[in-house]
Amino acid sequence: MEWRCPACREYGTHTGIRLTTPHALYRCGRCRTEWLEPSDGATGGHADRMSSYWEPHKFALFENHEVKLEFEQRYSEALDRASRHRDRLESALDFGCGTGNHLEFLQSRELTAFGVDINEGALARARARGLNVAHASNLSTLIPEESVDLVTIWDVIEHLYDPLSGLRAAVSRLRVGGILILETPNADFMPRRLLLGLGKHTGGRVSWFETMYYWEHKVYFSALGLKTILSEVQCEILALERRTSPRAKMSHYFSHDAAVQGTGWSHVVKRTWPVAERLTRRAGSGNALFVIAKRER
């Protein structure tokens, strides 16, 4: 069957790897981006699956003091770097704002900040903090096109079957010359490649690669795929880096998985991640791609 890559938009015949029913994983032969396709080819109910991302333990995760501190350091470094590429950053849209941690940070840096998300539970928590948020379906009402200086998209586009449409909606809010900050999982993360290869060469008998692919993530971009899709929305990349996810966040995820799944492999991942993360970071690689880009005319 021919599939169209969600990043470079090329059609091609790709070999799929069965992950968890009803999805299979595909890899683009041109840009190496990976994505999940429902086995029946339907994407119905996608919004419901996106909304269910906010499971109870994830609310607790983003309220954890250590996790919040790690992200604030990440936000601060990213905003400082973005400020070097535009004289004044006064207004921002956080696309996929969740419970509002990043919005609160932006306000602390004296930006007028707006946020959109599709989960009503997360939006309710953001509103309770006095933040200016709306459902993503009301984006055009909340913010006119070409009206903000900064758009941030932290770990969001990988959740979309059609990331190009989501990027277009978000980037259209940027003024010409405005700055985009984006982070998303890295398809070429070495442990992901190794575990996929192990699964392939054992005929699926060893399926540990599923620990590197989450049902919430529909697309895993390669660096080339991310460059291609950003060019489609007229964004010039100013910086592209491979990074590791915050340690406290990943420790929480692995602890939860180990408690829920109870498998030996989930406990191994939990114990070995700190070492793997440190080695990966020193090697200049990482499980995430971080981008700063500028909207072109």
Protein backbone atom coordinates (compact mmCIF):
# COMPACT_ATOMS: atom_id res chain seq x y z
CA MET A 1 0.00 0.00 0.00
CA GLU A 2 1.19 3.54 -0.72
CA TRP A 3 1.34 5.98 2.19
CA ARG A 4 2.11 9.67 2.18
CA CYS A 5 4.82 10.81 4.57
CA PRO A 6 3.40 13.45 6.98
CA ALA A 7 6.71 15.33 6.90
CA CYS A 8 8.05 15.48 3.32
CA ARG A 9 4.65 14.62 1.76
CA GLU A 10 6.20 12.06 -0.58
CA TYR A 11 4.22 8.99 -1.55
CA GLY A 12 5.95 5.66 -1.35
CA THR A 13 5.57 2.00 -0.53
CA HIS A 14 6.83 1.47 3.00
CA THR A 15 7.23 -1.67 5.04
CA GLY A 16 5.24 -1.45 8.24
CA ILE A 17 6.16 -2.89 11.64
CA ARG A 18 3.29 -3.96 13.83
CA LEU A 19 3.44 -2.14 17.15
CA THR A 20 0.19 -2.32 19.06
CA THR A 21 -3.18 -3.04 17.53
CA PRO A 22 -4.58 -1.27 15.61
CA HIS A 23 -1.42 0.60 14.56
CA ALA A 24 1.63 -0.18 12.48
CA LEU A 25 4.80 1.92 12.24
CA TYR A 26 6.01 3.18 8.86
CA ARG A 27 9.25 4.86 7.85
CA CYS A 28 9.71 7.26 4.94
CA GLY A 29 12.41 6.11 2.54
CA ARG A 30 13.18 9.71 1.61
CA CYS A 31 13.38 11.70 4.86
CA ARG A 32 13.37 8.85 7.45
CA THR A 33 10.42 10.28 9.37
CA GLU A 34 8.32 7.58 11.06
CA TRP A 35 4.61 7.52 11.70
CA LEU A 36 1.77 5.35 12.89
CA GLU A 37 -1.12 4.35 10.66
CA PRO A 38 -4.30 2.71 11.93
CA SER A 39 -4.59 -0.74 10.40
CA ASP A 40 -7.93 0.16 8.84
CA GLY A 41 -6.62 3.47 7.47
CA ALA A 42 -9.16 5.47 9.49
CA THR A 43 -8.30 8.35 11.80
CA GLY A 44 -11.74 8.74 13.35
CA GLY A 45 -11.77 9.44 17.05
CA HIS A 46 -8.38 11.14 16.87
CA ALA A 47 -9.52 14.09 18.98
CA ASP A 48 -10.72 11.74 21.68
CA ARG A 49 -7.37 9.97 21.73
CA MET A 50 -5.58 13.31 21.93
CA SER A 51 -7.76 14.39 24.84
CA SER A 52 -7.03 11.19 26.71
CA TYR A 53 -3.33 12.10 26.71
CA TRP A 54 -4.02 13.87 29.99
CA GLU A 55 -4.24 10.79 32.15
CA PRO A 56 -4.27 11.41 35.96
CA HIS A 57 -0.57 10.63 36.38
CA LYS A 58 0.32 13.27 33.77
CA PHE A 59 -1.48 15.99 35.69
CA ALA A 60 0.63 14.96 38.68
CA LEU A 61 3.76 14.92 36.52
CA PHE A 62 3.48 18.55 35.42
CA GLU A 63 2.62 19.67 38.95
CA ASN A 64 5.77 18.00 40.32
CA HIS A 65 8.15 20.65 41.68
CA GLU A 66 11.33 19.06 40.31
CA VAL A 67 9.80 18.58 36.86
CA LYS A 68 8.56 22.18 36.78
CA LEU A 69 12.02 23.49 37.70
CA GLU A 70 13.66 21.48 34.92
CA PHE A 71 11.19 22.78 32.36
CA GLU A 72 11.55 26.37 33.58
CA GLN A 73 15.29 26.13 32.95
CA ARG A 74 14.55 24.79 29.48
CA TYR A 75 12.00 27.54 28.81
CA SER A 76 14.36 30.26 30.05
CA GLU A 77 17.24 29.13 27.86
CA ALA A 78 14.97 28.84 24.81
CA LEU A 79 13.42 32.29 25.32
CA ASP A 80 16.80 33.93 25.83
CA ARG A 81 18.02 32.43 22.57
CA ALA A 82 14.85 33.41 20.72
CA SER A 83 15.25 37.00 21.95
CA ARG A 84 18.57 37.25 20.11
CA HIS A 85 16.75 36.88 16.79
CA ARG A 86 14.04 39.50 17.33
CA ASP A 87 14.44 42.90 18.94
CA ARG A 88 11.25 42.69 20.99
CA LEU A 89 9.19 39.71 22.08
CA GLU A 90 6.02 41.07 23.61
CA SER A 91 3.32 38.52 22.79
CA ALA A 92 3.20 34.74 22.49
CA LEU A 93 0.98 31.79 21.63
CA ASP A 94 1.62 28.45 23.32
CA PHE A 95 0.15 25.88 20.94
CA GLY A 96 -0.80 22.87 23.07
CA CYS A 97 -0.53 24.70 26.39
CA GLY A 98 -1.78 21.90 28.63
CA THR A 99 -2.24 23.03 32.24
CA GLY A 100 -0.36 26.27 31.58
CA ASN A 101 3.14 25.88 33.05
CA HIS A 102 4.78 27.49 30.04
CA LEU A 103 2.17 30.24 29.84
CA GLU A 104 2.84 31.11 33.46
CA PHE A 105 6.57 31.25 32.70
CA LEU A 106 6.00 33.55 29.71
CA GLN A 107 3.92 35.89 31.84
CA SER A 108 6.69 35.97 34.44
CA ARG A 109 8.94 37.25 31.64
CA GLU A 110 6.42 40.03 30.90
CA LEU A 111 5.01 38.62 27.66
CA THR A 112 1.31 38.76 26.89
CA ALA A 113 0.66 35.05 26.53
CA PHE A 114 -2.22 33.03 25.06
CA GLY A 115 -2.64 29.28 24.98
CA VAL A 116 -4.75 26.69 23.20
CA ASP A 117 -5.27 22.99 23.85
CA ILE A 118 -7.96 20.40 23.13
CA ASN A 119 -8.25 18.84 26.57
CA GLU A 120 -10.92 20.48 28.69
CA GLY A 121 -9.46 19.16 31.93
CA ALA A 122 -6.09 20.76 31.20
CA LEU A 123 -7.74 23.99 30.08
CA ALA A 124 -9.81 24.12 33.28
CA ARG A 125 -6.63 23.93 35.35
CA ALA A 126 -5.01 26.66 33.25
CA ARG A 127 -8.05 28.93 33.67
CA ALA A 128 -8.01 28.33 37.44
CA ARG A 129 -4.49 29.80 37.39
CA GLY A 130 -5.84 32.94 35.73
CA LEU A 131 -4.31 32.17 32.34
CA ASN A 132 -5.72 33.27 28.98
CA VAL A 133 -6.55 29.99 27.22
CA ALA A 134 -9.09 28.60 24.79
CA HIS A 135 -9.96 25.37 23.04
CA ALA A 136 -7.86 24.90 19.90
CA SER A 137 -11.01 25.00 17.76
CA ASN A 138 -11.35 28.66 18.83
CA LEU A 139 -7.82 29.66 17.85
CA SER A 140 -8.97 32.07 15.13
CA THR A 141 -11.24 33.83 17.63
CA LEU A 142 -8.55 34.06 20.30
CA ILE A 143 -5.70 35.33 18.12
CA PRO A 144 -5.84 36.95 14.66
CA GLU A 145 -3.33 35.94 12.03
CA GLU A 146 0.09 37.63 12.08
CA SER A 147 -0.44 39.12 15.53
CA VAL A 148 2.12 37.57 17.93
CA ASP A 149 5.90 37.71 18.13
CA LEU A 150 6.46 34.18 19.38
CA VAL A 151 4.84 30.77 18.93
CA THR A 152 5.90 27.84 21.09
CA ILE A 153 5.05 24.21 20.37
CA TRP A 154 6.45 21.94 23.08
CA ASP A 155 5.96 18.23 22.41
CA VAL A 156 2.73 18.66 20.44
CA ILE A 157 3.05 18.06 16.69
CA GLU A 158 4.00 14.41 17.21
CA HIS A 159 0.46 13.87 18.52
CA LEU A 160 -1.13 14.91 15.20
CA TYR A 161 -1.88 12.60 12.28
CA ASP A 162 -1.68 15.74 10.12
CA PRO A 163 1.09 17.85 11.69
CA LEU A 164 1.29 20.14 8.66
CA SER A 165 -2.22 21.49 9.27
CA GLY A 166 -1.45 22.07 12.93
CA LEU A 167 1.80 23.88 12.11
CA ARG A 168 0.07 26.07 9.55
CA ALA A 169 -2.59 27.09 12.05
CA ALA A 170 0.01 27.96 14.69
CA VAL A 171 2.57 29.66 12.46
CA SER A 172 -0.10 31.77 10.73
CA ARG A 173 -0.45 33.63 14.05
CA LEU A 174 3.18 34.77 13.84
CA ARG A 175 4.10 38.16 12.48
CA VAL A 176 6.61 38.11 9.64
CA GLY A 177 9.98 37.82 11.35
CA GLY A 178 8.35 36.26 14.40
CA ILE A 179 10.03 33.36 16.18
CA LEU A 180 8.94 29.73 16.48
CA ILE A 181 10.23 27.46 19.26
CA LEU A 182 9.45 23.79 18.75
CA GLU A 183 10.44 20.49 20.33
CA THR A 184 9.43 17.00 19.22
CA PRO A 185 10.78 13.40 19.46
CA ASN A 186 13.73 12.43 17.26
CA ALA A 187 13.13 9.48 14.93
CA ASP A 188 16.88 8.88 14.60
CA PHE A 189 17.50 8.50 18.35
CA MET A 190 20.03 5.65 18.44
CA PRO A 191 18.34 3.40 21.06
CA ARG A 192 15.15 3.63 18.99
CA ARG A 193 17.02 2.49 15.90
CA LEU A 194 18.75 -0.36 17.74
CA LEU A 195 15.56 -1.71 19.29
CA LEU A 196 13.70 -1.55 15.99
CA GLY A 197 16.52 -3.48 14.35
CA LEU A 198 16.43 -6.06 17.12
CA GLY A 199 12.71 -6.53 16.63
CA LYS A 200 13.11 -6.87 12.88
CA HIS A 201 15.95 -9.40 13.01
CA THR A 202 14.16 -11.57 15.57
CA GLY A 203 10.99 -11.61 13.51
CA GLY A 204 9.15 -9.67 16.19
CA ARG A 205 9.94 -12.18 18.92
CA VAL A 206 11.80 -9.44 20.79
CA SER A 207 9.53 -6.40 20.77
CA TRP A 208 11.26 -4.12 23.23
CA PHE A 209 11.10 -1.31 20.67
CA GLU A 210 7.57 -0.58 21.87
CA THR A 211 9.06 1.14 24.92
CA MET A 212 10.38 3.81 22.52
CA TYR A 213 7.08 4.36 20.72
CA TYR A 214 4.05 5.65 22.63
CA TRP A 215 0.47 5.31 21.47
CA GLU A 216 -0.02 9.07 21.92
CA HIS A 217 2.70 9.84 19.37
CA LYS A 218 1.56 9.59 15.76
CA VAL A 219 4.70 11.02 14.07
CA TYR A 220 8.42 10.76 14.86
CA PHE A 221 10.31 13.35 12.81
CA SER A 222 13.82 13.00 11.50
CA ALA A 223 15.88 16.19 11.27
CA LEU A 224 15.38 16.19 7.49
CA GLY A 225 11.64 15.64 7.85
CA LEU A 226 11.34 18.50 10.33
CA LYS A 227 13.32 20.83 8.06
CA THR A 228 11.06 19.91 5.16
CA ILE A 229 7.77 20.49 6.95
CA LEU A 230 8.96 23.79 8.43
CA SER A 231 9.90 25.03 4.98
CA GLU A 232 6.31 24.25 3.92
CA VAL A 233 5.06 26.79 6.48
CA GLN A 234 7.66 29.39 5.43
CA CYS A 235 9.88 29.06 8.49
CA GLU A 236 13.65 29.50 8.26
CA ILE A 237 15.49 27.33 10.77
CA LEU A 238 17.93 29.31 12.89
CA ALA A 239 18.97 26.43 15.15
CA LEU A 240 18.28 22.68 15.17
CA GLU A 241 19.64 20.53 17.97
CA ARG A 242 19.28 17.00 19.29
CA ARG A 243 18.45 16.98 22.97
CA THR A 244 17.47 14.61 25.73
CA SER A 245 14.18 14.99 27.58
CA PRO A 246 14.26 16.40 31.14
CA ARG A 247 15.46 13.73 33.55
CA ALA A 248 12.78 14.21 36.19
CA LYS A 249 10.04 13.92 33.58
CA MET A 250 11.42 10.70 32.12
CA SER A 251 12.00 9.21 35.56
CA HIS A 252 8.32 9.82 36.32
CA TYR A 253 7.23 8.19 33.04
CA PHE A 254 9.40 5.12 33.51
CA SER A 255 8.35 4.72 37.14
CA HIS A 256 4.71 4.85 36.08
CA ASP A 257 5.25 2.36 33.25
CA ALA A 258 7.12 -0.02 35.55
CA ALA A 259 4.32 0.16 38.13
CA VAL A 260 1.54 -0.32 35.57
CA GLN A 261 3.15 -2.87 33.22
CA GLY A 262 5.19 -4.73 35.81
CA THR A 263 7.40 -6.19 33.07
CA GLY A 264 11.09 -6.87 33.55
CA TRP A 265 11.92 -4.67 30.55
CA SER A 266 10.09 -1.63 31.95
CA HIS A 267 12.12 -1.93 35.17
CA VAL A 268 15.34 -2.23 33.16
CA VAL A 269 14.51 0.95 31.23
CA LYS A 270 13.75 2.78 34.47
CA ARG A 271 17.11 1.83 35.98
CA THR A 272 19.27 2.36 32.89
CA TRP A 273 17.75 5.59 31.52
CA PRO A 274 19.89 8.01 33.64
CA VAL A 275 23.09 6.41 32.32
CA ALA A 276 21.80 6.20 28.73
CA GLU A 277 20.64 9.82 28.89
CA ARG A 278 24.02 11.03 30.12
CA LEU A 279 25.95 9.10 27.46
CA THR A 280 23.59 10.20 24.72
CA ARG A 281 23.85 13.84 25.74
CA ARG A 282 27.65 13.70 25.81
CA ALA A 283 27.63 12.18 22.32
CA GLY A 284 25.64 15.17 21.02
CA SER A 285 22.58 13.08 20.31
CA GLY A 286 19.19 12.88 21.98
CA ASN A 287 15.64 11.58 21.88
CA ALA A 288 14.24 15.02 20.97
CA LEU A 289 14.71 17.61 18.22
CA PHE A 290 14.75 21.25 19.32
CA VAL A 291 14.23 24.05 16.79
CA ILE A 292 14.29 27.81 16.75
CA ALA A 293 12.95 29.22 13.48
CA LYS A 294 11.82 32.53 12.00
CA ARG A 295 8.73 33.12 9.91
CA GLU A 296 9.69 34.37 6.48
CA ARG A 297 7.71 36.79 4.35
